[in-house]
Amino acid sequence: MKITTDPFCGTAIIGALSGALALVALSYGQKIIAGGDPYLLKGYIVPTVCGFIFGFLLGVYIHKLKWSLNALEKSEEKYRAVANFTFDWEYWVDLNGNFVYVSPSCTKISGYQAQDFLRDPSLFFSLVHPDDLDNVKHRLGNPTESTDACHFNFRIIDREGTEHWIQHNCMSVYDSHGNWIGRR
């Protein structure tokens, strides 16, 4: 028998009790204001049952929402760790040529932080060696959908003025519906 511990255990029960208590309290307050008999038990059966059901359903919803957010956070953490700790300079450019993601490893290669490229997409082209710039702009300047991977080599000049050869491998990125959303 497998016993699992759920960090959100009891949310539905607490919600049910809270909902029932809230509706009973409201009903009690209305009876007092209206001048009715607040001690009449049958007047609290419907609010208690409705409150319990509403609170239970709300608690279940909150429980599932918290569980989903927790699962999403763990999944995002896993993929961010893979992307952020790669040795290669990874990036993702959207349909307008703006960077969506730039891996931190770009600093080792270019001397610039990922945020620098996110703020100024033209920074990438400013690093390209002048003799290679036309070829790089031709291949990367206007993002286009392509099922073929793009492979070529060029030089960049880093922040310190050192020349580096870059082997560039590029491919299209699609969303879960098959729509083209950029290039990686």
N, C-alpha and C. Protein backbone atom coordinates (compact mmCIF):
# COMPACT_ATOMS: atom_id res chain seq x y z
N MET A 1 0.84 -1.18 0.00
CA MET A 1 0.00 0.00 0.00
C MET A 1 0.88 1.23 0.00
N LYS A 2 0.60 2.12 -0.94
CA LYS A 2 1.39 3.35 -1.06
C LYS A 2 0.66 4.48 -0.35
N ILE A 3 1.36 5.12 0.55
CA ILE A 3 0.78 6.27 1.25
C ILE A 3 1.48 7.52 0.73
N THR A 4 0.69 8.44 0.23
CA THR A 4 1.27 9.69 -0.26
C THR A 4 0.89 10.82 0.67
N THR A 5 1.78 11.73 0.81
CA THR A 5 1.48 12.91 1.62
C THR A 5 1.20 14.05 0.67
N ASP A 6 0.05 14.62 0.81
CA ASP A 6 -0.38 15.72 -0.04
C ASP A 6 -0.23 17.01 0.76
N PRO A 7 0.59 17.96 0.28
CA PRO A 7 0.80 19.19 1.03
C PRO A 7 -0.47 20.04 1.17
N PHE A 8 -1.47 19.76 0.36
CA PHE A 8 -2.69 20.54 0.41
C PHE A 8 -3.85 19.73 0.99
N CYS A 9 -3.52 18.64 1.68
CA CYS A 9 -4.51 17.74 2.24
C CYS A 9 -5.44 18.49 3.19
N GLY A 10 -6.70 18.22 3.11
CA GLY A 10 -7.66 18.82 4.01
C GLY A 10 -8.25 20.12 3.50
N THR A 11 -7.80 20.62 2.38
CA THR A 11 -8.32 21.89 1.86
C THR A 11 -9.82 21.79 1.61
N ALA A 12 -10.27 20.68 1.04
CA ALA A 12 -11.69 20.52 0.73
C ALA A 12 -12.52 20.47 2.01
N ILE A 13 -12.04 19.76 3.02
CA ILE A 13 -12.78 19.65 4.29
C ILE A 13 -12.83 21.00 4.99
N ILE A 14 -11.71 21.69 5.03
CA ILE A 14 -11.67 23.01 5.67
C ILE A 14 -12.59 23.97 4.91
N GLY A 15 -12.56 23.90 3.58
CA GLY A 15 -13.45 24.74 2.78
C GLY A 15 -14.90 24.43 3.07
N ALA A 16 -15.24 23.14 3.18
CA ALA A 16 -16.63 22.74 3.45
C ALA A 16 -17.08 23.27 4.80
N LEU A 17 -16.26 23.10 5.82
CA LEU A 17 -16.63 23.59 7.15
C LEU A 17 -16.72 25.11 7.19
N SER A 18 -15.80 25.77 6.52
CA SER A 18 -15.82 27.24 6.48
C SER A 18 -17.06 27.74 5.76
N GLY A 19 -17.40 27.10 4.63
CA GLY A 19 -18.58 27.49 3.88
C GLY A 19 -19.86 27.30 4.69
N ALA A 20 -19.96 26.15 5.36
CA ALA A 20 -21.14 25.89 6.18
C ALA A 20 -21.23 26.91 7.31
N LEU A 21 -20.13 27.16 7.99
CA LEU A 21 -20.10 28.11 9.10
C LEU A 21 -20.46 29.51 8.62
N ALA A 22 -19.95 29.92 7.48
CA ALA A 22 -20.24 31.26 6.95
C ALA A 22 -21.72 31.41 6.64
N LEU A 23 -22.33 30.41 5.97
CA LEU A 23 -23.74 30.53 5.62
C LEU A 23 -24.64 30.45 6.86
N VAL A 24 -24.26 29.65 7.82
CA VAL A 24 -25.04 29.60 9.06
C VAL A 24 -24.96 30.94 9.79
N ALA A 25 -23.77 31.52 9.84
CA ALA A 25 -23.59 32.81 10.50
C ALA A 25 -24.40 33.89 9.80
N LEU A 26 -24.40 33.89 8.47
CA LEU A 26 -25.19 34.87 7.73
C LEU A 26 -26.69 34.66 7.98
N SER A 27 -27.11 33.41 7.96
CA SER A 27 -28.51 33.10 8.20
C SER A 27 -28.92 33.53 9.61
N TYR A 28 -28.08 33.27 10.59
CA TYR A 28 -28.33 33.66 11.98
C TYR A 28 -28.46 35.18 12.08
N GLY A 29 -27.53 35.89 11.43
CA GLY A 29 -27.56 37.35 11.45
C GLY A 29 -28.82 37.89 10.80
N GLN A 30 -29.24 37.31 9.68
CA GLN A 30 -30.46 37.76 9.00
C GLN A 30 -31.68 37.54 9.88
N LYS A 31 -31.74 36.42 10.56
CA LYS A 31 -32.89 36.12 11.42
C LYS A 31 -32.98 37.12 12.58
N ILE A 32 -31.83 37.47 13.13
CA ILE A 32 -31.83 38.43 14.24
C ILE A 32 -32.28 39.80 13.73
N ILE A 33 -31.75 40.23 12.57
CA ILE A 33 -32.11 41.54 12.01
C ILE A 33 -33.58 41.58 11.64
N ALA A 34 -34.07 40.48 11.07
CA ALA A 34 -35.47 40.42 10.65
C ALA A 34 -36.41 40.20 11.82
N GLY A 35 -35.88 39.95 12.98
CA GLY A 35 -36.71 39.75 14.15
C GLY A 35 -37.22 38.34 14.30
N GLY A 36 -36.67 37.41 13.56
CA GLY A 36 -37.10 36.03 13.64
C GLY A 36 -36.47 35.32 14.81
N ASP A 37 -36.84 34.09 14.99
CA ASP A 37 -36.31 33.28 16.09
C ASP A 37 -34.97 32.68 15.66
N PRO A 38 -33.84 33.17 16.17
CA PRO A 38 -32.55 32.67 15.75
C PRO A 38 -32.23 31.27 16.25
N TYR A 39 -33.05 30.74 17.14
CA TYR A 39 -32.75 29.42 17.70
C TYR A 39 -33.50 28.30 16.99
N LEU A 40 -34.23 28.64 15.96
CA LEU A 40 -35.00 27.65 15.22
C LEU A 40 -34.04 26.83 14.36
N LEU A 41 -33.85 25.56 14.70
CA LEU A 41 -32.85 24.71 14.03
C LEU A 41 -33.15 24.46 12.56
N LYS A 42 -34.44 24.30 12.20
CA LYS A 42 -34.73 23.96 10.81
C LYS A 42 -34.34 25.10 9.85
N GLY A 43 -34.21 26.29 10.34
CA GLY A 43 -33.80 27.41 9.50
C GLY A 43 -32.33 27.36 9.13
N TYR A 44 -31.58 26.47 9.74
CA TYR A 44 -30.15 26.39 9.46
C TYR A 44 -29.76 25.15 8.66
N ILE A 45 -30.70 24.26 8.42
CA ILE A 45 -30.37 23.03 7.70
C ILE A 45 -29.96 23.34 6.26
N VAL A 46 -30.78 24.11 5.55
CA VAL A 46 -30.48 24.43 4.15
C VAL A 46 -29.17 25.22 4.04
N PRO A 47 -28.99 26.33 4.82
CA PRO A 47 -27.71 27.04 4.71
C PRO A 47 -26.50 26.16 5.06
N THR A 48 -26.66 25.26 6.03
CA THR A 48 -25.55 24.41 6.42
C THR A 48 -25.19 23.45 5.30
N VAL A 49 -26.19 22.78 4.71
CA VAL A 49 -25.94 21.84 3.63
C VAL A 49 -25.37 22.56 2.41
N CYS A 50 -25.99 23.70 2.04
CA CYS A 50 -25.49 24.45 0.89
C CYS A 50 -24.07 24.96 1.14
N GLY A 51 -23.84 25.45 2.33
CA GLY A 51 -22.50 25.94 2.67
C GLY A 51 -21.48 24.83 2.65
N PHE A 52 -21.86 23.67 3.16
CA PHE A 52 -20.94 22.53 3.16
C PHE A 52 -20.60 22.12 1.73
N ILE A 53 -21.63 22.02 0.87
CA ILE A 53 -21.39 21.61 -0.52
C ILE A 53 -20.54 22.66 -1.24
N PHE A 54 -20.92 23.94 -1.11
CA PHE A 54 -20.17 25.01 -1.77
C PHE A 54 -18.73 25.03 -1.27
N GLY A 55 -18.56 24.97 0.03
CA GLY A 55 -17.22 25.00 0.61
C GLY A 55 -16.39 23.81 0.19
N PHE A 56 -17.03 22.63 0.11
CA PHE A 56 -16.31 21.43 -0.31
C PHE A 56 -15.84 21.57 -1.75
N LEU A 57 -16.75 22.01 -2.64
CA LEU A 57 -16.39 22.17 -4.05
C LEU A 57 -15.31 23.24 -4.22
N LEU A 58 -15.42 24.33 -3.48
CA LEU A 58 -14.41 25.37 -3.54
C LEU A 58 -13.08 24.84 -3.02
N GLY A 59 -13.13 24.07 -1.95
CA GLY A 59 -11.91 23.47 -1.40
C GLY A 59 -11.25 22.52 -2.39
N VAL A 60 -12.06 21.71 -3.08
CA VAL A 60 -11.52 20.79 -4.09
C VAL A 60 -10.88 21.58 -5.22
N TYR A 61 -11.55 22.65 -5.66
CA TYR A 61 -11.00 23.49 -6.72
C TYR A 61 -9.67 24.10 -6.29
N ILE A 62 -9.61 24.65 -5.09
CA ILE A 62 -8.37 25.26 -4.59
C ILE A 62 -7.28 24.20 -4.47
N HIS A 63 -7.64 23.01 -3.99
CA HIS A 63 -6.68 21.92 -3.88
C HIS A 63 -6.08 21.57 -5.25
N LYS A 64 -6.94 21.41 -6.26
CA LYS A 64 -6.46 21.06 -7.60
C LYS A 64 -5.63 22.20 -8.19
N LEU A 65 -6.03 23.43 -7.95
CA LEU A 65 -5.28 24.57 -8.46
C LEU A 65 -3.89 24.62 -7.83
N LYS A 66 -3.81 24.44 -6.52
CA LYS A 66 -2.51 24.45 -5.85
C LYS A 66 -1.64 23.29 -6.33
N TRP A 67 -2.23 22.12 -6.51
CA TRP A 67 -1.48 20.97 -6.98
C TRP A 67 -0.94 21.24 -8.38
N SER A 68 -1.78 21.81 -9.27
CA SER A 68 -1.36 22.11 -10.64
C SER A 68 -0.25 23.15 -10.66
N LEU A 69 -0.37 24.19 -9.85
CA LEU A 69 0.66 25.22 -9.79
C LEU A 69 1.98 24.64 -9.26
N ASN A 70 1.89 23.75 -8.29
CA ASN A 70 3.08 23.11 -7.75
C ASN A 70 3.76 22.24 -8.82
N ALA A 71 2.96 21.47 -9.57
CA ALA A 71 3.50 20.62 -10.64
C ALA A 71 4.12 21.48 -11.73
N LEU A 72 3.48 22.59 -12.08
CA LEU A 72 4.02 23.49 -13.10
C LEU A 72 5.34 24.09 -12.64
N GLU A 73 5.41 24.48 -11.40
CA GLU A 73 6.64 25.06 -10.86
C GLU A 73 7.80 24.06 -10.91
N LYS A 74 7.53 22.81 -10.54
CA LYS A 74 8.57 21.77 -10.59
C LYS A 74 9.03 21.50 -12.02
N SER A 75 8.08 21.46 -12.94
CA SER A 75 8.42 21.22 -14.34
C SER A 75 9.24 22.38 -14.90
N GLU A 76 8.83 23.60 -14.59
CA GLU A 76 9.57 24.77 -15.06
C GLU A 76 10.98 24.79 -14.48
N GLU A 77 11.10 24.43 -13.22
CA GLU A 77 12.41 24.40 -12.57
C GLU A 77 13.34 23.39 -13.26
N LYS A 78 12.79 22.24 -13.62
CA LYS A 78 13.58 21.20 -14.28
C LYS A 78 14.09 21.68 -15.64
N TYR A 79 13.20 22.23 -16.45
CA TYR A 79 13.60 22.68 -17.78
C TYR A 79 14.49 23.91 -17.73
N ARG A 80 14.28 24.79 -16.77
CA ARG A 80 15.14 25.96 -16.63
C ARG A 80 16.55 25.53 -16.24
N ALA A 81 16.67 24.51 -15.39
CA ALA A 81 17.99 24.02 -15.00
C ALA A 81 18.73 23.46 -16.21
N VAL A 82 18.03 22.73 -17.07
CA VAL A 82 18.66 22.19 -18.27
C VAL A 82 19.10 23.33 -19.18
N ALA A 83 18.22 24.29 -19.40
CA ALA A 83 18.53 25.40 -20.32
C ALA A 83 19.60 26.32 -19.76
N ASN A 84 19.54 26.62 -18.49
CA ASN A 84 20.47 27.59 -17.91
C ASN A 84 21.87 27.04 -17.66
N PHE A 85 22.01 25.74 -17.59
CA PHE A 85 23.32 25.18 -17.30
C PHE A 85 23.93 24.43 -18.48
N THR A 86 23.46 24.75 -19.67
CA THR A 86 24.07 24.18 -20.86
C THR A 86 25.37 24.92 -21.15
N PHE A 87 26.31 24.24 -21.72
CA PHE A 87 27.58 24.86 -22.07
C PHE A 87 27.42 25.77 -23.29
N ASP A 88 26.52 25.38 -24.20
CA ASP A 88 26.32 26.14 -25.43
C ASP A 88 25.51 27.40 -25.19
N TRP A 89 25.69 28.35 -26.05
CA TRP A 89 24.93 29.60 -26.03
C TRP A 89 23.61 29.31 -26.73
N GLU A 90 22.57 29.14 -25.95
CA GLU A 90 21.24 28.85 -26.49
C GLU A 90 20.43 30.13 -26.52
N TYR A 91 19.63 30.29 -27.57
CA TYR A 91 18.70 31.41 -27.59
C TYR A 91 17.48 31.03 -28.40
N TRP A 92 16.42 31.82 -28.20
CA TRP A 92 15.17 31.63 -28.92
C TRP A 92 14.74 33.00 -29.38
N VAL A 93 14.51 33.14 -30.70
CA VAL A 93 14.08 34.40 -31.29
C VAL A 93 12.65 34.24 -31.77
N ASP A 94 11.80 35.24 -31.47
CA ASP A 94 10.40 35.16 -31.89
C ASP A 94 10.25 35.58 -33.36
N LEU A 95 9.01 35.66 -33.82
CA LEU A 95 8.72 35.97 -35.22
C LEU A 95 9.20 37.36 -35.63
N ASN A 96 9.35 38.26 -34.65
CA ASN A 96 9.79 39.63 -34.93
C ASN A 96 11.30 39.81 -34.78
N GLY A 97 12.01 38.74 -34.50
CA GLY A 97 13.46 38.83 -34.34
C GLY A 97 13.90 39.23 -32.94
N ASN A 98 12.96 39.27 -31.99
CA ASN A 98 13.30 39.60 -30.61
C ASN A 98 13.64 38.33 -29.84
N PHE A 99 14.62 38.45 -28.95
CA PHE A 99 14.99 37.30 -28.13
C PHE A 99 13.91 37.02 -27.08
N VAL A 100 13.47 35.78 -27.02
CA VAL A 100 12.53 35.33 -26.00
C VAL A 100 13.32 34.74 -24.83
N TYR A 101 14.40 34.06 -25.16
CA TYR A 101 15.25 33.43 -24.16
C TYR A 101 16.69 33.48 -24.64
N VAL A 102 17.59 33.76 -23.71
CA VAL A 102 19.03 33.69 -23.96
C VAL A 102 19.65 33.01 -22.75
N SER A 103 20.42 31.95 -22.98
CA SER A 103 21.00 31.22 -21.86
C SER A 103 22.14 32.01 -21.22
N PRO A 104 22.34 31.80 -19.93
CA PRO A 104 23.41 32.50 -19.23
C PRO A 104 24.81 32.19 -19.78
N SER A 105 24.95 31.08 -20.50
CA SER A 105 26.26 30.73 -21.05
C SER A 105 26.73 31.74 -22.10
N CYS A 106 25.85 32.61 -22.56
CA CYS A 106 26.26 33.63 -23.53
C CYS A 106 27.34 34.53 -22.94
N THR A 107 27.35 34.67 -21.63
CA THR A 107 28.36 35.53 -20.97
C THR A 107 29.76 34.97 -21.15
N LYS A 108 29.90 33.63 -21.03
CA LYS A 108 31.22 33.00 -21.22
C LYS A 108 31.75 33.23 -22.62
N ILE A 109 30.86 33.29 -23.59
CA ILE A 109 31.26 33.37 -24.99
C ILE A 109 31.38 34.82 -25.47
N SER A 110 30.41 35.66 -25.10
CA SER A 110 30.38 37.01 -25.65
C SER A 110 30.85 38.10 -24.68
N GLY A 111 30.80 37.80 -23.38
CA GLY A 111 31.13 38.82 -22.39
C GLY A 111 29.93 39.65 -21.98
N TYR A 112 28.80 39.44 -22.63
CA TYR A 112 27.56 40.17 -22.31
C TYR A 112 26.59 39.26 -21.57
N GLN A 113 25.77 39.85 -20.72
CA GLN A 113 24.76 39.12 -19.97
C GLN A 113 23.55 38.81 -20.87
N ALA A 114 22.81 37.80 -20.51
CA ALA A 114 21.60 37.44 -21.26
C ALA A 114 20.63 38.62 -21.35
N GLN A 115 20.51 39.38 -20.27
CA GLN A 115 19.60 40.53 -20.24
C GLN A 115 19.99 41.59 -21.27
N ASP A 116 21.30 41.69 -21.57
CA ASP A 116 21.75 42.66 -22.57
C ASP A 116 21.16 42.33 -23.94
N PHE A 117 21.11 41.05 -24.29
CA PHE A 117 20.56 40.63 -25.57
C PHE A 117 19.04 40.76 -25.58
N LEU A 118 18.41 40.50 -24.43
CA LEU A 118 16.95 40.63 -24.35
C LEU A 118 16.53 42.09 -24.51
N ARG A 119 17.31 42.99 -23.94
CA ARG A 119 17.00 44.42 -24.06
C ARG A 119 17.29 44.96 -25.45
N ASP A 120 18.34 44.48 -26.08
CA ASP A 120 18.78 45.02 -27.37
C ASP A 120 19.11 43.87 -28.33
N PRO A 121 18.12 43.41 -29.10
CA PRO A 121 18.35 42.30 -30.03
C PRO A 121 19.44 42.58 -31.06
N SER A 122 19.69 43.84 -31.39
CA SER A 122 20.71 44.16 -32.38
C SER A 122 22.13 43.93 -31.85
N LEU A 123 22.26 43.75 -30.53
CA LEU A 123 23.57 43.50 -29.93
C LEU A 123 24.22 42.27 -30.55
N PHE A 124 23.43 41.24 -30.81
CA PHE A 124 23.95 40.01 -31.41
C PHE A 124 24.70 40.32 -32.71
N PHE A 125 24.06 41.07 -33.61
CA PHE A 125 24.68 41.38 -34.89
C PHE A 125 25.89 42.31 -34.74
N SER A 126 25.89 43.13 -33.70
CA SER A 126 27.03 44.03 -33.50
C SER A 126 28.30 43.27 -33.09
N LEU A 127 28.14 42.05 -32.59
CA LEU A 127 29.29 41.23 -32.21
C LEU A 127 29.90 40.47 -33.38
N VAL A 128 29.13 40.31 -34.44
CA VAL A 128 29.58 39.51 -35.58
C VAL A 128 30.74 40.23 -36.28
N HIS A 129 31.77 39.45 -36.60
CA HIS A 129 32.94 39.98 -37.30
C HIS A 129 32.48 40.64 -38.61
N PRO A 130 33.01 41.82 -38.94
CA PRO A 130 32.57 42.54 -40.15
C PRO A 130 32.63 41.70 -41.43
N ASP A 131 33.61 40.82 -41.55
CA ASP A 131 33.72 40.00 -42.77
C ASP A 131 32.62 38.94 -42.86
N ASP A 132 31.98 38.62 -41.74
CA ASP A 132 30.94 37.58 -41.71
C ASP A 132 29.53 38.16 -41.58
N LEU A 133 29.43 39.46 -41.37
CA LEU A 133 28.15 40.08 -41.04
C LEU A 133 27.09 39.90 -42.13
N ASP A 134 27.44 40.11 -43.40
CA ASP A 134 26.45 39.97 -44.48
C ASP A 134 25.87 38.56 -44.52
N ASN A 135 26.72 37.56 -44.39
CA ASN A 135 26.27 36.17 -44.41
C ASN A 135 25.35 35.87 -43.22
N VAL A 136 25.72 36.34 -42.04
CA VAL A 136 24.92 36.09 -40.84
C VAL A 136 23.57 36.81 -40.94
N LYS A 137 23.59 38.06 -41.39
CA LYS A 137 22.32 38.79 -41.54
C LYS A 137 21.43 38.13 -42.58
N HIS A 138 22.03 37.64 -43.65
CA HIS A 138 21.26 36.95 -44.69
C HIS A 138 20.57 35.71 -44.11
N ARG A 139 21.29 34.96 -43.31
CA ARG A 139 20.76 33.70 -42.75
C ARG A 139 19.85 33.91 -41.55
N LEU A 140 20.12 34.93 -40.75
CA LEU A 140 19.40 35.10 -39.48
C LEU A 140 18.61 36.40 -39.38
N GLY A 141 18.81 37.32 -40.29
CA GLY A 141 18.22 38.65 -40.18
C GLY A 141 16.72 38.67 -40.17
N ASN A 142 16.08 37.86 -40.99
CA ASN A 142 14.62 37.80 -41.05
C ASN A 142 14.18 36.39 -40.71
N PRO A 143 13.66 36.19 -39.51
CA PRO A 143 13.24 34.84 -39.13
C PRO A 143 12.19 34.30 -40.10
N THR A 144 12.45 33.13 -40.63
CA THR A 144 11.49 32.48 -41.51
C THR A 144 11.32 31.04 -41.06
N GLU A 145 10.13 30.54 -41.29
CA GLU A 145 9.85 29.15 -40.93
C GLU A 145 10.61 28.22 -41.86
N SER A 146 11.25 27.26 -41.27
CA SER A 146 11.98 26.27 -42.07
C SER A 146 12.02 24.97 -41.28
N THR A 147 11.72 23.89 -41.96
CA THR A 147 11.81 22.59 -41.30
C THR A 147 13.24 22.09 -41.29
N ASP A 148 14.09 22.72 -42.09
CA ASP A 148 15.50 22.33 -42.16
C ASP A 148 16.29 23.07 -41.09
N ALA A 149 17.20 22.36 -40.48
CA ALA A 149 18.11 23.00 -39.52
C ALA A 149 19.13 23.80 -40.31
N CYS A 150 19.54 24.92 -39.75
CA CYS A 150 20.50 25.80 -40.40
C CYS A 150 21.84 25.66 -39.66
N HIS A 151 22.88 25.29 -40.39
CA HIS A 151 24.21 25.11 -39.79
C HIS A 151 25.22 25.96 -40.55
N PHE A 152 25.96 26.78 -39.84
CA PHE A 152 27.05 27.53 -40.46
C PHE A 152 27.99 28.06 -39.38
N ASN A 153 29.15 28.50 -39.79
CA ASN A 153 30.16 29.02 -38.87
C ASN A 153 30.42 30.49 -39.16
N PHE A 154 30.69 31.25 -38.12
CA PHE A 154 31.06 32.65 -38.28
C PHE A 154 31.85 33.08 -37.05
N ARG A 155 32.39 34.26 -37.13
CA ARG A 155 33.19 34.79 -36.02
C ARG A 155 32.45 35.91 -35.32
N ILE A 156 32.69 36.00 -34.02
CA ILE A 156 32.21 37.15 -33.25
C ILE A 156 33.42 37.79 -32.58
N ILE A 157 33.25 39.03 -32.19
CA ILE A 157 34.25 39.73 -31.41
C ILE A 157 33.61 40.04 -30.07
N ASP A 158 34.12 39.42 -28.99
CA ASP A 158 33.49 39.55 -27.68
C ASP A 158 33.72 40.94 -27.08
N ARG A 159 33.19 41.14 -25.91
CA ARG A 159 33.24 42.43 -25.23
C ARG A 159 34.68 42.91 -25.00
N GLU A 160 35.60 41.98 -24.85
CA GLU A 160 37.01 42.32 -24.61
C GLU A 160 37.80 42.49 -25.90
N GLY A 161 37.14 42.25 -27.06
CA GLY A 161 37.81 42.41 -28.34
C GLY A 161 38.45 41.15 -28.88
N THR A 162 38.18 40.01 -28.22
CA THR A 162 38.76 38.73 -28.66
C THR A 162 37.85 38.10 -29.71
N GLU A 163 38.46 37.55 -30.74
CA GLU A 163 37.71 36.90 -31.81
C GLU A 163 37.44 35.44 -31.45
N HIS A 164 36.21 34.99 -31.69
CA HIS A 164 35.81 33.59 -31.43
C HIS A 164 35.07 33.06 -32.65
N TRP A 165 35.35 31.81 -33.01
CA TRP A 165 34.56 31.14 -34.04
C TRP A 165 33.33 30.53 -33.39
N ILE A 166 32.20 30.71 -34.01
CA ILE A 166 30.93 30.18 -33.52
C ILE A 166 30.40 29.17 -34.53
N GLN A 167 30.04 28.00 -34.05
CA GLN A 167 29.33 27.05 -34.90
C GLN A 167 27.85 27.23 -34.56
N HIS A 168 27.12 27.74 -35.51
CA HIS A 168 25.71 28.09 -35.27
C HIS A 168 24.80 27.00 -35.83
N ASN A 169 23.97 26.44 -34.97
CA ASN A 169 22.97 25.45 -35.36
C ASN A 169 21.61 26.02 -35.00
N CYS A 170 20.75 26.12 -35.98
CA CYS A 170 19.48 26.83 -35.78
C CYS A 170 18.33 25.97 -36.32
N MET A 171 17.20 26.01 -35.61
CA MET A 171 16.03 25.27 -36.07
C MET A 171 14.76 26.00 -35.67
N SER A 172 13.68 25.71 -36.35
CA SER A 172 12.39 26.35 -36.07
C SER A 172 11.80 25.82 -34.77
N VAL A 173 11.00 26.68 -34.12
CA VAL A 173 10.31 26.32 -32.88
C VAL A 173 8.81 26.41 -33.14
N TYR A 174 8.08 25.41 -32.66
CA TYR A 174 6.63 25.35 -32.86
C TYR A 174 5.95 25.22 -31.51
N ASP A 175 4.73 25.77 -31.43
CA ASP A 175 3.96 25.61 -30.19
C ASP A 175 3.25 24.26 -30.21
N SER A 176 2.47 23.98 -29.18
CA SER A 176 1.81 22.68 -29.05
C SER A 176 0.75 22.44 -30.12
N HIS A 177 0.34 23.50 -30.83
CA HIS A 177 -0.65 23.36 -31.91
C HIS A 177 -0.01 23.29 -33.28
N GLY A 178 1.33 23.28 -33.33
CA GLY A 178 2.03 23.19 -34.59
C GLY A 178 2.27 24.54 -35.27
N ASN A 179 1.95 25.63 -34.57
CA ASN A 179 2.18 26.96 -35.14
C ASN A 179 3.63 27.37 -34.97
N TRP A 180 4.22 27.92 -36.01
CA TRP A 180 5.60 28.36 -35.96
C TRP A 180 5.70 29.61 -35.08
N ILE A 181 6.58 29.58 -34.10
CA ILE A 181 6.68 30.71 -33.15
C ILE A 181 8.09 31.29 -33.06
N GLY A 182 8.97 30.85 -33.92
CA GLY A 182 10.30 31.44 -33.93
C GLY A 182 11.38 30.45 -34.27
N ARG A 183 12.57 30.80 -33.81
CA ARG A 183 13.75 30.03 -34.16
C ARG A 183 14.62 29.86 -32.91
N ARG A 184 15.24 28.70 -32.80
CA ARG A 184 16.11 28.40 -31.66
C ARG A 184 17.49 28.05 -32.18
